[in-house]
C-alpha atoms as a PDB file:
ATOM      1  CA  MET A   1      38.320  -2.216 -16.855  1.00  0.00           C
ATOM      2  CA  VAL A   2      34.956  -0.269 -17.553  1.00  0.00           C
ATOM      3  CA  ASP A   3      31.790  -1.391 -15.477  1.00  0.00           C
ATOM      4  CA  HIS A   4      29.234  -3.063 -17.883  1.00  0.00           C
ATOM      5  CA  PRO A   5      25.889  -1.486 -17.493  1.00  0.00           C
ATOM      6  CA  SER A   6      24.293  -4.447 -16.831  1.00  0.00           C
ATOM      7  CA  GLY A   7      23.624  -5.523 -13.250  1.00  0.00           C
ATOM      8  CA  SER A   8      22.372  -9.019 -14.082  1.00  0.00           C
ATOM      9  CA  ILE A   9      24.022 -11.863 -12.160  1.00  0.00           C
ATOM     10  CA  ASN A  10      23.552 -14.044 -15.185  1.00  0.00           C
ATOM     11  CA  HIS A  11      25.397 -11.686 -17.786  1.00  0.00           C
ATOM     12  CA  TRP A  12      28.471 -11.586 -15.498  1.00  0.00           C
ATOM     13  CA  LEU A  13      28.100 -15.324 -15.094  1.00  0.00           C
ATOM     14  CA  ALA A  14      28.338 -15.784 -18.790  1.00  0.00           C
ATOM     15  CA  VAL A  15      31.276 -13.606 -18.946  1.00  0.00           C
ATOM     16  CA  TRP A  16      32.915 -15.620 -16.022  1.00  0.00           C
ATOM     17  CA  GLU A  17      32.161 -19.070 -17.624  1.00  0.00           C
ATOM     18  CA  LEU A  18      33.678 -17.969 -21.070  1.00  0.00           C
ATOM     19  CA  ASN A  19      36.831 -16.335 -19.534  1.00  0.00           C
ATOM     20  CA  SER A  20      37.301 -19.122 -17.241  1.00  0.00           C
ATOM     21  CA  PHE A  21      37.177 -21.714 -19.997  1.00  0.00           C
ATOM     22  CA  TYR A  22      39.673 -20.019 -22.017  1.00  0.00           C
ATOM     23  CA  ALA A  23      42.105 -19.279 -18.877  1.00  0.00           C
ATOM     24  CA  LEU A  24      42.275 -23.062 -18.485  1.00  0.00           C
ATOM     25  CA  GLN A  25      43.020 -23.984 -21.966  1.00  0.00           C
ATOM     26  CA  PRO A  26      46.803 -24.603 -22.171  1.00  0.00           C
ATOM     27  CA  GLU A  27      47.046 -23.397 -25.971  1.00  0.00           C
ATOM     28  CA  GLN A  28      46.453 -19.863 -24.527  1.00  0.00           C
ATOM     29  CA  GLY A  29      49.971 -19.802 -23.069  1.00  0.00           C
ATOM     30  CA  GLU A  30      50.847 -16.651 -21.233  1.00  0.00           C
ATOM     31  CA  GLY A  31      47.185 -15.482 -22.205  1.00  0.00           C
ATOM     32  CA  GLN A  32      45.718 -17.929 -19.513  1.00  0.00           C
ATOM     33  CA  ARG A  33      46.375 -15.168 -16.874  1.00  0.00           C
ATOM     34  CA  MET A  34      44.552 -12.471 -18.794  1.00  0.00           C
ATOM     35  CA  TRP A  35      41.543 -14.805 -19.276  1.00  0.00           C
ATOM     36  CA  ALA A  36      41.739 -15.635 -15.456  1.00  0.00           C
ATOM     37  CA  GLU A  37      42.204 -12.107 -14.492  1.00  0.00           C
ATOM     38  CA  THR A  38      39.089 -11.171 -16.641  1.00  0.00           C
ATOM     39  CA  ALA A  39      37.002 -14.330 -15.352  1.00  0.00           C
ATOM     40  CA  MET A  40      38.007 -13.177 -11.803  1.00  0.00           C
ATOM     41  CA  TYR A  41      36.760  -9.419 -12.565  1.00  0.00           C
ATOM     42  CA  ALA A  42      33.303 -10.693 -14.151  1.00  0.00           C
ATOM     43  CA  LEU A  43      32.725 -13.101 -10.930  1.00  0.00           C
ATOM     44  CA  ALA A  44      33.275 -10.144  -8.720  1.00  0.00           C
ATOM     45  CA  ARG A  45      30.962  -8.116 -10.829  1.00  0.00           C
ATOM     46  CA  ALA A  46      28.161 -11.040 -10.370  1.00  0.00           C
ATOM     47  CA  GLU A  47      28.830 -11.127  -6.615  1.00  0.00           C
ATOM     48  CA  ALA A  48      28.174  -7.388  -6.592  1.00  0.00           C
ATOM     49  CA  ALA A  49      24.821  -8.068  -8.430  1.00  0.00           C
ATOM     50  CA  GLY A  50      23.726 -10.455  -5.818  1.00  0.00           C
ATOM     51  CA  LEU A  51      25.526 -13.687  -6.314  1.00  0.00           C
ATOM     52  CA  ASP A  52      26.132 -15.222  -2.959  1.00  0.00           C
ATOM     53  CA  ALA A  53      29.727 -15.264  -1.438  1.00  0.00           C
ATOM     54  CA  ILE A  54      30.014 -19.011  -0.948  1.00  0.00           C
ATOM     55  CA  THR A  55      29.357 -19.728  -4.497  1.00  0.00           C
ATOM     56  CA  ALA A  56      31.428 -17.059  -5.922  1.00  0.00           C
ATOM     57  CA  ASN A  57      34.355 -18.206  -3.585  1.00  0.00           C
ATOM     58  CA  VAL A  58      34.065 -21.875  -4.714  1.00  0.00           C
ATOM     59  CA  ASN A  59      34.326 -20.810  -8.391  1.00  0.00           C
ATOM     60  CA  ARG A  60      36.989 -18.210  -7.695  1.00  0.00           C
ATOM     61  CA  PHE A  61      39.028 -20.955  -5.932  1.00  0.00           C
ATOM     62  CA  HIS A  62      38.399 -23.719  -8.179  1.00  0.00           C
ATOM     63  CA  LEU A  63      39.947 -21.539 -10.959  1.00  0.00           C
ATOM     64  CA  ARG A  64      42.955 -20.330  -8.956  1.00  0.00           C
ATOM     65  CA  ALA A  65      43.757 -23.833  -7.887  1.00  0.00           C
ATOM     66  CA  CYS A  66      43.517 -25.214 -11.497  1.00  0.00           C
ATOM     67  CA  LEU A  67      45.950 -22.588 -12.621  1.00  0.00           C
ATOM     68  CA  ILE A  68      48.329 -23.224  -9.801  1.00  0.00           C
ATOM     69  CA  ASP A  69      48.458 -26.718 -10.708  1.00  0.00           C
ATOM     70  CA  HIS A  70      48.761 -26.156 -14.486  1.00  0.00           C
ATOM     71  CA  LEU A  71      51.089 -23.098 -14.698  1.00  0.00           C
ATOM     72  CA  GLY A  72      52.769 -23.728 -11.234  1.00  0.00           C
ATOM     73  CA  PRO A  73      52.933 -21.673  -8.348  1.00  0.00           C
ATOM     74  CA  THR A  74      54.329 -18.082  -8.313  1.00  0.00           C
ATOM     75  CA  ARG A  75      54.134 -15.195  -5.660  1.00  0.00           C
ATOM     76  CA  SER A  76      51.334 -13.363  -7.547  1.00  0.00           C
ATOM     77  CA  PRO A  77      47.936 -13.325  -5.607  1.00  0.00           C
ATOM     78  CA  LEU A  78      46.473 -15.249  -8.598  1.00  0.00           C
ATOM     79  CA  LEU A  79      49.006 -18.271  -8.638  1.00  0.00           C
ATOM     80  CA  ASN A  80      50.082 -18.121  -5.020  1.00  0.00           C
ATOM     81  CA  PRO A  81      49.202 -21.527  -3.045  1.00  0.00           C
ATOM     82  CA  GLY A  82      49.650 -20.021   0.215  1.00  0.00           C
ATOM     83  CA  ALA A  83      47.646 -17.196  -0.251  1.00  0.00           C
ATOM     84  CA  LEU A  84      44.784 -19.524  -1.659  1.00  0.00           C
ATOM     85  CA  ALA A  85      45.101 -21.595   1.159  1.00  0.00           C
ATOM     86  CA  VAL A  86      44.626 -18.590   3.472  1.00  0.00           C
ATOM     87  CA  ASP A  87      41.581 -17.272   1.545  1.00  0.00           C
ATOM     88  CA  ILE A  88      39.959 -20.994   1.603  1.00  0.00           C
ATOM     89  CA  LEU A  89      40.353 -20.858   5.261  1.00  0.00           C
ATOM     90  CA  ALA A  90      38.782 -17.485   5.853  1.00  0.00           C
ATOM     91  CA  ALA A  91      35.845 -18.363   3.668  1.00  0.00           C
ATOM     92  CA  LEU A  92      34.566 -21.321   5.499  1.00  0.00           C
ATOM     93  CA  PRO A  93      31.573 -20.569   7.414  1.00  0.00           C
ATOM     94  CA  ILE A  94      32.141 -22.529  10.761  1.00  0.00           C
ATOM     95  CA  GLN A  95      34.983 -23.354  12.929  1.00  0.00           C
ATOM     96  CA  LEU A  96      36.882 -26.795  12.477  1.00  0.00           C
ATOM     97  CA  LYS A  97      35.777 -27.658  16.065  1.00  0.00           C
ATOM     98  CA  ASP A  98      31.953 -27.508  15.063  1.00  0.00           C
ATOM     99  CA  ALA A  99      32.352 -28.905  11.712  1.00  0.00           C
ATOM    100  CA  ALA A 100      33.993 -32.032  13.284  1.00  0.00           C
ATOM    101  CA  GLU A 101      31.383 -32.222  15.839  1.00  0.00           C
ATOM    102  CA  TRP A 102      28.420 -31.734  13.380  1.00  0.00           C
ATOM    103  CA  ALA A 103      29.970 -34.268  11.019  1.00  0.00           C
ATOM    104  CA  THR A 104      29.559 -37.233  13.544  1.00  0.00           C
ATOM    105  CA  ASN A 105      25.744 -37.210  12.950  1.00  0.00           C
ATOM    106  CA  TRP A 106      25.169 -34.739  10.152  1.00  0.00           C
ATOM    107  CA  PRO A 107      21.864 -36.325   8.992  1.00  0.00           C
ATOM    108  CA  GLN A 108      20.273 -35.440  12.196  1.00  0.00           C
ATOM    109  CA  ARG A 109      21.454 -31.936  12.184  1.00  0.00           C
ATOM    110  CA  PRO A 110      19.416 -28.994  11.415  1.00  0.00           C
ATOM    111  CA  HIS A 111      19.211 -27.791   7.765  1.00  0.00           C
ATOM    112  CA  MET A 112      21.294 -24.724   8.281  1.00  0.00           C
ATOM    113  CA  GLU A 113      24.173 -26.922   9.854  1.00  0.00           C
ATOM    114  CA  ILE A 114      23.940 -29.246   7.108  1.00  0.00           C
ATOM    115  CA  LEU A 115      24.263 -26.417   4.553  1.00  0.00           C
ATOM    116  CA  SER A 116      27.278 -25.107   6.550  1.00  0.00           C
ATOM    117  CA  LEU A 117      29.114 -28.553   6.442  1.00  0.00           C
ATOM    118  CA  ARG A 118      28.236 -28.768   2.582  1.00  0.00           C
ATOM    119  CA  GLN A 119      29.540 -25.509   1.923  1.00  0.00           C
ATOM    120  CA  CYS A 120      32.683 -26.317   3.808  1.00  0.00           C
ATOM    121  CA  LYS A 121      33.171 -29.345   1.567  1.00  0.00           C
ATOM    122  CA  ASN A 122      32.613 -27.452  -1.548  1.00  0.00           C
ATOM    123  CA  LEU A 123      34.921 -24.661  -0.496  1.00  0.00           C
ATOM    124  CA  LEU A 124      37.668 -27.277   0.436  1.00  0.00           C
ATOM    125  CA  ALA A 125      37.630 -29.140  -2.841  1.00  0.00           C
ATOM    126  CA  PRO A 126      40.307 -26.747  -4.632  1.00  0.00           C
ATOM    127  CA  ALA A 127      42.556 -27.292  -1.525  1.00  0.00           C
ATOM    128  CA  GLN A 128      42.939 -30.803  -2.509  1.00  0.00           C
ATOM    129  CA  ILE A 129      44.710 -29.581  -5.998  1.00  0.00           C
ATOM    130  CA  ILE A 130      46.835 -27.267  -4.328  1.00  0.00           C
ATOM    131  CA  ARG A 131      47.920 -29.583  -1.503  1.00  0.00           C
ATOM    132  CA  SER A 132      51.211 -30.610  -2.848  1.00  0.00           C
ATOM    133  CA  HIS A 133      52.064 -27.131  -3.652  1.00  0.00           C
ATOM    134  CA  LEU A 134      52.092 -25.975   0.009  1.00  0.00           C
ATOM    135  CA  SER A 135      55.102 -25.985   2.343  1.00  0.00           C
ATOM    136  CA  THR A 136      54.878 -26.562   5.974  1.00  0.00           C
ATOM    137  CA  THR A 137      53.359 -23.636   7.590  1.00  0.00           C
ATOM    138  CA  PRO A 138      50.521 -23.318  10.269  1.00  0.00           C
ATOM    139  CA  THR A 139      48.259 -22.459   7.352  1.00  0.00           C
ATOM    140  CA  ALA A 140      49.085 -25.690   5.622  1.00  0.00           C
ATOM    141  CA  ARG A 141      48.562 -27.430   8.723  1.00  0.00           C
ATOM    142  CA  ALA A 142      45.070 -26.223   9.326  1.00  0.00           C
ATOM    143  CA  LEU A 143      44.111 -26.824   5.840  1.00  0.00           C
ATOM    144  CA  ALA A 144      45.318 -30.568   6.356  1.00  0.00           C
ATOM    145  CA  GLN A 145      43.063 -30.804   9.351  1.00  0.00           C
ATOM    146  CA  TRP A 146      40.161 -29.760   7.270  1.00  0.00           C
ATOM    147  CA  LEU A 147      40.949 -31.954   4.286  1.00  0.00           C
ATOM    148  CA  ALA A 148      40.959 -34.758   6.822  1.00  0.00           C
ATOM    149  CA  LEU A 149      37.611 -33.983   7.728  1.00  0.00           C
ATOM    150  CA  ARG A 150      36.263 -33.194   4.184  1.00  0.00           C
ATOM    151  CA  GLU A 151      35.593 -36.795   3.463  1.00  0.00           C
ATOM    152  CA  GLN A 152      33.143 -37.216   6.449  1.00  0.00           C
ATOM    153  CA  LEU A 153      31.083 -33.715   5.368  1.00  0.00           C
ATOM    154  CA  PRO A 154      28.027 -34.302   3.278  1.00  0.00           C
END
């Protein structure tokens, strides 16, 4: 693909929205992957233009999870539930131990800690979609621990 001269986050988010919409339309058939790849490119460009990584990853992970759920898992990075699980865990801004401790009294925590807990909750949402597609691995077990905590997060 050729870079668009626009460096506007909003431009790339508009491209992301349109392409991710078509990527989730079953009538697109095999074209869903093409739309998804174009959407992922646009999201990467929005991130390069200044979109924060957490927001980009929430969107990226949600699209991948929905595609895995609709099209079924494959070994391709886009449709691989194990790879998505690894990416989700890597994107979490804090460790499980800290999240579990902070979740017990989150309303009394400092703003930045509450924000981190909320980011974890948002990043973990797509994991619930792919949970049934994961085999028993250390990554799947780690993700299950996070998902057990997710309901306690703000």
